[in-house]
Amino acid sequence: MNTTAFPRCAAVAAAACLAFACSRPGTEAFAAEKPASPPAAASAGLPRIAPAPAWTLKDLDGNPVSFAQFKGKVVVVDFWATWCPPCRAEIPGYIEMVRKHGKDGLVIVGISLDQGGPGVVKPFAAKTGINYQLVMGDEAVVAAFGGVEGIPTTFLIDRAGMIRDRKVGAEEAEFYEKKVLAVLREKS
C-alpha cells in the first residue's frame, strides 16, 4: 500500500470542499457536491422539516426587516458573505429567480455574515445588481436556524412558514430552482 498517496488525496478532497462551501470563522467547512442531475427531492414533494424561526434583522440602511413581513410567501433564506466564492457564484441564479418568480410570491433574503457590515455589503450588492432583500446577520439568527457551519447555507421556507429544504454549499441554479418551483406551485 502506498502511504504517501493518502495525504495527497486528503489535500485534494479538502480543496474540493472549499470549492463548494466556505467555512465560517471558527468552524469546519461543509461541502455540497455539485449534483450531476436534479436531486430527487426536486421532483418529489419536499418534506416539512420544522417551522422557520422568527427573526428581525437590519437591512443595509439600518431599517428592521422581519420574517413576519413575508407571511404567505415562499422565502429563500441564504446565509452568505461577500468574500465567499461559492456564495458569489449563486447570486446570479437568485437574481434570475426573483425576476422570473417574484410575481408568484417568491422572496429571497440574503443574510450577510460579513464582519465588515453594510459598508462592505452595500457596494458589493450595487456592483453585482442584487435585486433581493439583504440584511445583516448576527449570532442570534444563526443559532435560531440551528447553526451555520459553512456558507452558503440556504433554507427554503414554504408559504405556511415551514422549512422544506436546507442546503450547505453551492448548488447549480437550475437544480435549486426546481425545488423552489415545487414549493411555489403547492396549494396553500
C-alpha atoms as a PDB file:
ATOM      1  CA  MET A   1       0.000   0.000   0.000  1.00  0.00           C
ATOM      2  CA  ASN A   2       1.351   3.421  -0.916  1.00  0.00           C
ATOM      3  CA  THR A   3       1.129   5.511   2.262  1.00  0.00           C
ATOM      4  CA  THR A   4       2.281   8.733   0.581  1.00  0.00           C
ATOM      5  CA  ALA A   5      -0.793   8.816  -1.648  1.00  0.00           C
ATOM      6  CA  PHE A   6      -3.200   9.290   1.292  1.00  0.00           C
ATOM      7  CA  PRO A   7      -2.033  12.808   2.283  1.00  0.00           C
ATOM      8  CA  ARG A   8      -2.256  13.923  -1.356  1.00  0.00           C
ATOM      9  CA  CYS A   9      -5.802  12.516  -1.645  1.00  0.00           C
ATOM     10  CA  ALA A  10      -6.799  14.258   1.580  1.00  0.00           C
ATOM     11  CA  ALA A  11      -5.435  17.559   0.264  1.00  0.00           C
ATOM     12  CA  VAL A  12      -7.365  17.179  -2.996  1.00  0.00           C
ATOM     13  CA  ALA A  13     -10.560  16.347  -1.070  1.00  0.00           C
ATOM     14  CA  ALA A  14     -10.106  19.388   1.186  1.00  0.00           C
ATOM     15  CA  ALA A  15      -9.630  21.633  -1.852  1.00  0.00           C
ATOM     16  CA  ALA A  16     -12.818  20.234  -3.394  1.00  0.00           C
ATOM     17  CA  CYS A  17     -14.718  21.020  -0.185  1.00  0.00           C
ATOM     18  CA  LEU A  18     -13.611  24.617  -0.274  1.00  0.00           C
ATOM     19  CA  ALA A  19     -14.732  24.911  -3.881  1.00  0.00           C
ATOM     20  CA  PHE A  20     -18.367  24.424  -2.890  1.00  0.00           C
ATOM     21  CA  ALA A  21     -18.651  25.911   0.628  1.00  0.00           C
ATOM     22  CA  CYS A  22     -16.724  28.409   2.715  1.00  0.00           C
ATOM     23  CA  SER A  23     -16.137  27.875   6.401  1.00  0.00           C
ATOM     24  CA  ARG A  24     -17.294  30.413   8.899  1.00  0.00           C
ATOM     25  CA  PRO A  25     -14.538  31.627  11.195  1.00  0.00           C
ATOM     26  CA  GLY A  26     -14.003  29.007  13.888  1.00  0.00           C
ATOM     27  CA  THR A  27     -15.891  26.228  12.118  1.00  0.00           C
ATOM     28  CA  GLU A  28     -15.143  23.463   9.655  1.00  0.00           C
ATOM     29  CA  ALA A  29     -16.126  23.813   6.008  1.00  0.00           C
ATOM     30  CA  PHE A  30     -19.053  21.742   4.841  1.00  0.00           C
ATOM     31  CA  ALA A  31     -19.311  20.876   1.191  1.00  0.00           C
ATOM     32  CA  ALA A  32     -22.250  20.239  -1.061  1.00  0.00           C
ATOM     33  CA  GLU A  33     -21.125  18.246  -4.037  1.00  0.00           C
ATOM     34  CA  LYS A  34     -22.189  19.570  -7.395  1.00  0.00           C
ATOM     35  CA  PRO A  35     -25.091  17.331  -8.392  1.00  0.00           C
ATOM     36  CA  ALA A  36     -24.851  15.589 -11.747  1.00  0.00           C
ATOM     37  CA  SER A  37     -28.622  15.531 -12.034  1.00  0.00           C
ATOM     38  CA  PRO A  38     -31.506  17.178 -10.189  1.00  0.00           C
ATOM     39  CA  PRO A  39     -31.889  15.921  -6.617  1.00  0.00           C
ATOM     40  CA  ALA A  40     -34.780  13.510  -6.127  1.00  0.00           C
ATOM     41  CA  ALA A  41     -36.437  15.947  -3.718  1.00  0.00           C
ATOM     42  CA  ALA A  42     -36.846  18.440  -6.561  1.00  0.00           C
ATOM     43  CA  SER A  43     -39.280  16.191  -8.355  1.00  0.00           C
ATOM     44  CA  ALA A  44     -40.867  14.558  -5.292  1.00  0.00           C
ATOM     45  CA  GLY A  45     -42.596  16.540  -2.546  1.00  0.00           C
ATOM     46  CA  LEU A  46     -40.126  18.160  -0.190  1.00  0.00           C
ATOM     47  CA  PRO A  47     -40.573  17.163   3.456  1.00  0.00           C
ATOM     48  CA  ARG A  48     -41.724  19.617   6.102  1.00  0.00           C
ATOM     49  CA  ILE A  49     -38.610  19.826   8.281  1.00  0.00           C
ATOM     50  CA  ALA A  50     -39.541  22.325  11.006  1.00  0.00           C
ATOM     51  CA  PRO A  51     -41.177  25.706  11.498  1.00  0.00           C
ATOM     52  CA  ALA A  52     -38.934  28.557  10.399  1.00  0.00           C
ATOM     53  CA  PRO A  53     -37.695  30.708  13.263  1.00  0.00           C
ATOM     54  CA  ALA A  54     -38.940  34.249  13.750  1.00  0.00           C
ATOM     55  CA  TRP A  55     -36.260  36.882  13.266  1.00  0.00           C
ATOM     56  CA  THR A  56     -35.786  40.603  12.851  1.00  0.00           C
ATOM     57  CA  LEU A  57     -32.563  41.956  11.351  1.00  0.00           C
ATOM     58  CA  LYS A  58     -31.395  45.282   9.942  1.00  0.00           C
ATOM     59  CA  ASP A  59     -31.156  45.895   6.206  1.00  0.00           C
ATOM     60  CA  LEU A  60     -28.162  47.669   4.679  1.00  0.00           C
ATOM     61  CA  ASP A  61     -29.639  51.063   5.614  1.00  0.00           C
ATOM     62  CA  GLY A  62     -30.287  50.069   9.241  1.00  0.00           C
ATOM     63  CA  ASN A  63     -34.042  49.511   8.844  1.00  0.00           C
ATOM     64  CA  PRO A  64     -35.635  46.498  10.557  1.00  0.00           C
ATOM     65  CA  VAL A  65     -36.746  43.577   8.392  1.00  0.00           C
ATOM     66  CA  SER A  66     -38.618  40.666   9.932  1.00  0.00           C
ATOM     67  CA  PHE A  67     -39.580  37.231   8.725  1.00  0.00           C
ATOM     68  CA  ALA A  68     -43.204  38.049   9.677  1.00  0.00           C
ATOM     69  CA  GLN A  69     -43.472  40.579   6.827  1.00  0.00           C
ATOM     70  CA  PHE A  70     -43.086  37.738   4.305  1.00  0.00           C
ATOM     71  CA  LYS A  71     -46.070  35.759   5.602  1.00  0.00           C
ATOM     72  CA  GLY A  72     -47.781  33.854   2.796  1.00  0.00           C
ATOM     73  CA  LYS A  73     -44.693  33.977   0.558  1.00  0.00           C
ATOM     74  CA  VAL A  74     -42.164  31.305  -0.360  1.00  0.00           C
ATOM     75  CA  VAL A  75     -38.929  32.520   1.208  1.00  0.00           C
ATOM     76  CA  VAL A  76     -35.365  31.514   0.400  1.00  0.00           C
ATOM     77  CA  VAL A  77     -33.072  32.488   3.288  1.00  0.00           C
ATOM     78  CA  ASP A  78     -29.445  32.441   2.181  1.00  0.00           C
ATOM     79  CA  PHE A  79     -26.599  32.825   4.687  1.00  0.00           C
ATOM     80  CA  TRP A  80     -23.671  34.196   2.690  1.00  0.00           C
ATOM     81  CA  ALA A  81     -20.716  36.602   2.636  1.00  0.00           C
ATOM     82  CA  THR A  82     -19.065  38.772   0.002  1.00  0.00           C
ATOM     83  CA  TRP A  83     -15.702  37.012   0.472  1.00  0.00           C
ATOM     84  CA  CYS A  84     -17.133  33.526  -0.199  1.00  0.00           C
ATOM     85  CA  PRO A  85     -16.662  32.356  -3.839  1.00  0.00           C
ATOM     86  CA  PRO A  86     -19.472  29.726  -3.768  1.00  0.00           C
ATOM     87  CA  CYS A  87     -21.811  32.333  -2.272  1.00  0.00           C
ATOM     88  CA  ARG A  88     -20.985  34.793  -5.043  1.00  0.00           C
ATOM     89  CA  ALA A  89     -21.433  32.064  -7.663  1.00  0.00           C
ATOM     90  CA  GLU A  90     -25.056  31.532  -6.575  1.00  0.00           C
ATOM     91  CA  ILE A  91     -26.067  35.209  -6.721  1.00  0.00           C
ATOM     92  CA  PRO A  92     -26.825  35.376 -10.480  1.00  0.00           C
ATOM     93  CA  GLY A  93     -29.193  32.413 -10.109  1.00  0.00           C
ATOM     94  CA  TYR A  94     -31.016  34.100  -7.231  1.00  0.00           C
ATOM     95  CA  ILE A  95     -31.260  37.360  -9.189  1.00  0.00           C
ATOM     96  CA  GLU A  96     -32.826  35.463 -12.095  1.00  0.00           C
ATOM     97  CA  MET A  97     -35.235  33.528  -9.821  1.00  0.00           C
ATOM     98  CA  VAL A  98     -36.533  36.804  -8.367  1.00  0.00           C
ATOM     99  CA  ARG A  99     -37.013  38.215 -11.881  1.00  0.00           C
ATOM    100  CA  LYS A 100     -38.914  35.132 -13.014  1.00  0.00           C
ATOM    101  CA  HIS A 101     -40.859  34.167  -9.885  1.00  0.00           C
ATOM    102  CA  GLY A 102     -41.099  37.234  -7.635  1.00  0.00           C
ATOM    103  CA  LYS A 103     -44.566  37.964  -9.011  1.00  0.00           C
ATOM    104  CA  ASP A 104     -45.602  34.445  -7.959  1.00  0.00           C
ATOM    105  CA  GLY A 105     -44.726  35.038  -4.312  1.00  0.00           C
ATOM    106  CA  LEU A 106     -41.016  34.193  -4.162  1.00  0.00           C
ATOM    107  CA  VAL A 107     -38.872  36.247  -1.798  1.00  0.00           C
ATOM    108  CA  ILE A 108     -35.138  35.816  -1.374  1.00  0.00           C
ATOM    109  CA  VAL A 109     -33.439  37.156   1.735  1.00  0.00           C
ATOM    110  CA  GLY A 110     -29.659  37.206   1.779  1.00  0.00           C
ATOM    111  CA  ILE A 111     -28.390  37.209   5.362  1.00  0.00           C
ATOM    112  CA  SER A 112     -24.848  38.546   5.172  1.00  0.00           C
ATOM    113  CA  LEU A 113     -22.344  37.238   7.673  1.00  0.00           C
ATOM    114  CA  ASP A 114     -19.710  39.786   6.603  1.00  0.00           C
ATOM    115  CA  GLN A 115     -17.898  41.132   9.647  1.00  0.00           C
ATOM    116  CA  GLY A 116     -17.297  44.420   7.799  1.00  0.00           C
ATOM    117  CA  GLY A 117     -21.024  45.190   7.952  1.00  0.00           C
ATOM    118  CA  PRO A 118     -23.093  47.189   5.472  1.00  0.00           C
ATOM    119  CA  GLY A 119     -20.036  49.201   4.415  1.00  0.00           C
ATOM    120  CA  VAL A 120     -18.714  46.065   2.704  1.00  0.00           C
ATOM    121  CA  VAL A 121     -22.023  44.606   1.549  1.00  0.00           C
ATOM    122  CA  LYS A 122     -23.634  47.743   0.051  1.00  0.00           C
ATOM    123  CA  PRO A 123     -21.040  48.394  -2.671  1.00  0.00           C
ATOM    124  CA  PHE A 124     -20.847  44.682  -3.466  1.00  0.00           C
ATOM    125  CA  ALA A 125     -24.655  44.499  -3.856  1.00  0.00           C
ATOM    126  CA  ALA A 126     -24.714  47.562  -6.110  1.00  0.00           C
ATOM    127  CA  LYS A 127     -21.880  46.251  -8.291  1.00  0.00           C
ATOM    128  CA  THR A 128     -23.467  42.800  -8.535  1.00  0.00           C
ATOM    129  CA  GLY A 129     -27.004  44.061  -9.223  1.00  0.00           C
ATOM    130  CA  ILE A 130     -28.641  42.146  -6.359  1.00  0.00           C
ATOM    131  CA  ASN A 131     -32.400  42.621  -6.655  1.00  0.00           C
ATOM    132  CA  TYR A 132     -33.461  40.874  -3.466  1.00  0.00           C
ATOM    133  CA  GLN A 133     -33.613  41.757   0.227  1.00  0.00           C
ATOM    134  CA  LEU A 134     -30.266  41.871   2.048  1.00  0.00           C
ATOM    135  CA  VAL A 135     -29.915  42.010   5.813  1.00  0.00           C
ATOM    136  CA  MET A 136     -27.014  41.785   8.223  1.00  0.00           C
ATOM    137  CA  GLY A 137     -26.887  38.560  10.221  1.00  0.00           C
ATOM    138  CA  ASP A 138     -25.869  38.022  13.821  1.00  0.00           C
ATOM    139  CA  GLU A 139     -25.166  35.061  16.080  1.00  0.00           C
ATOM    140  CA  ALA A 140     -28.769  35.023  17.337  1.00  0.00           C
ATOM    141  CA  VAL A 141     -30.221  34.385  13.860  1.00  0.00           C
ATOM    142  CA  VAL A 142     -27.523  31.810  13.121  1.00  0.00           C
ATOM    143  CA  ALA A 143     -28.460  29.991  16.341  1.00  0.00           C
ATOM    144  CA  ALA A 144     -32.196  30.296  15.578  1.00  0.00           C
ATOM    145  CA  PHE A 145     -31.633  28.378  12.323  1.00  0.00           C
ATOM    146  CA  GLY A 146     -29.721  25.660  14.164  1.00  0.00           C
ATOM    147  CA  GLY A 147     -26.240  26.904  13.348  1.00  0.00           C
ATOM    148  CA  VAL A 148     -24.424  27.571  10.116  1.00  0.00           C
ATOM    149  CA  GLU A 149     -21.230  25.565   9.806  1.00  0.00           C
ATOM    150  CA  GLY A 150     -20.374  26.637   6.281  1.00  0.00           C
ATOM    151  CA  ILE A 151     -21.658  29.153   3.788  1.00  0.00           C
ATOM    152  CA  PRO A 152     -23.621  29.354   1.716  1.00  0.00           C
ATOM    153  CA  THR A 153     -26.263  27.679   3.855  1.00  0.00           C
ATOM    154  CA  THR A 154     -29.714  28.133   2.392  1.00  0.00           C
ATOM    155  CA  PHE A 155     -33.205  27.416   3.706  1.00  0.00           C
ATOM    156  CA  LEU A 156     -36.332  27.078   1.563  1.00  0.00           C
ATOM    157  CA  ILE A 157     -39.454  28.052   3.509  1.00  0.00           C
ATOM    158  CA  ASP A 158     -42.998  27.479   2.270  1.00  0.00           C
ATOM    159  CA  ARG A 159     -45.995  29.824   2.448  1.00  0.00           C
ATOM    160  CA  ALA A 160     -47.043  28.300   5.789  1.00  0.00           C
ATOM    161  CA  GLY A 161     -43.656  29.101   7.343  1.00  0.00           C
ATOM    162  CA  MET A 162     -42.256  25.553   7.282  1.00  0.00           C
ATOM    163  CA  ILE A 163     -38.643  24.853   6.332  1.00  0.00           C
ATOM    164  CA  ARG A 164     -38.761  22.493   3.364  1.00  0.00           C
ATOM    165  CA  ASP A 165     -35.082  22.269   2.409  1.00  0.00           C
ATOM    166  CA  ARG A 166     -31.678  23.071   3.902  1.00  0.00           C
ATOM    167  CA  LYS A 167     -28.579  23.009   1.760  1.00  0.00           C
ATOM    168  CA  VAL A 168     -24.996  23.639   2.772  1.00  0.00           C
ATOM    169  CA  GLY A 169     -22.765  24.697  -0.079  1.00  0.00           C
ATOM    170  CA  ALA A 170     -23.485  25.845  -3.583  1.00  0.00           C
ATOM    171  CA  GLU A 171     -25.975  24.140  -5.856  1.00  0.00           C
ATOM    172  CA  GLU A 172     -26.478  24.755  -9.559  1.00  0.00           C
ATOM    173  CA  ALA A 173     -29.249  27.322 -10.062  1.00  0.00           C
ATOM    174  CA  GLU A 174     -31.246  25.135 -12.438  1.00  0.00           C
ATOM    175  CA  PHE A 175     -31.444  22.330  -9.854  1.00  0.00           C
ATOM    176  CA  TYR A 176     -32.256  24.595  -6.910  1.00  0.00           C
ATOM    177  CA  GLU A 177     -34.901  26.426  -8.938  1.00  0.00           C
ATOM    178  CA  LYS A 178     -36.741  23.109  -9.362  1.00  0.00           C
ATOM    179  CA  LYS A 179     -37.039  22.798  -5.577  1.00  0.00           C
ATOM    180  CA  VAL A 180     -38.224  26.395  -5.331  1.00  0.00           C
ATOM    181  CA  LEU A 181     -40.810  25.852  -8.065  1.00  0.00           C
ATOM    182  CA  ALA A 182     -42.087  22.683  -6.380  1.00  0.00           C
ATOM    183  CA  VAL A 183     -42.843  24.707  -3.247  1.00  0.00           C
ATOM    184  CA  LEU A 184     -44.169  27.747  -5.164  1.00  0.00           C
ATOM    185  CA  ARG A 185     -46.676  25.576  -7.020  1.00  0.00           C
ATOM    186  CA  GLU A 186     -48.104  23.893  -3.925  1.00  0.00           C
ATOM    187  CA  LYS A 187     -51.606  24.763  -2.867  1.00  0.00           C
ATOM    188  CA  SER A 188     -51.661  26.934   0.262  1.00  0.00           C
END
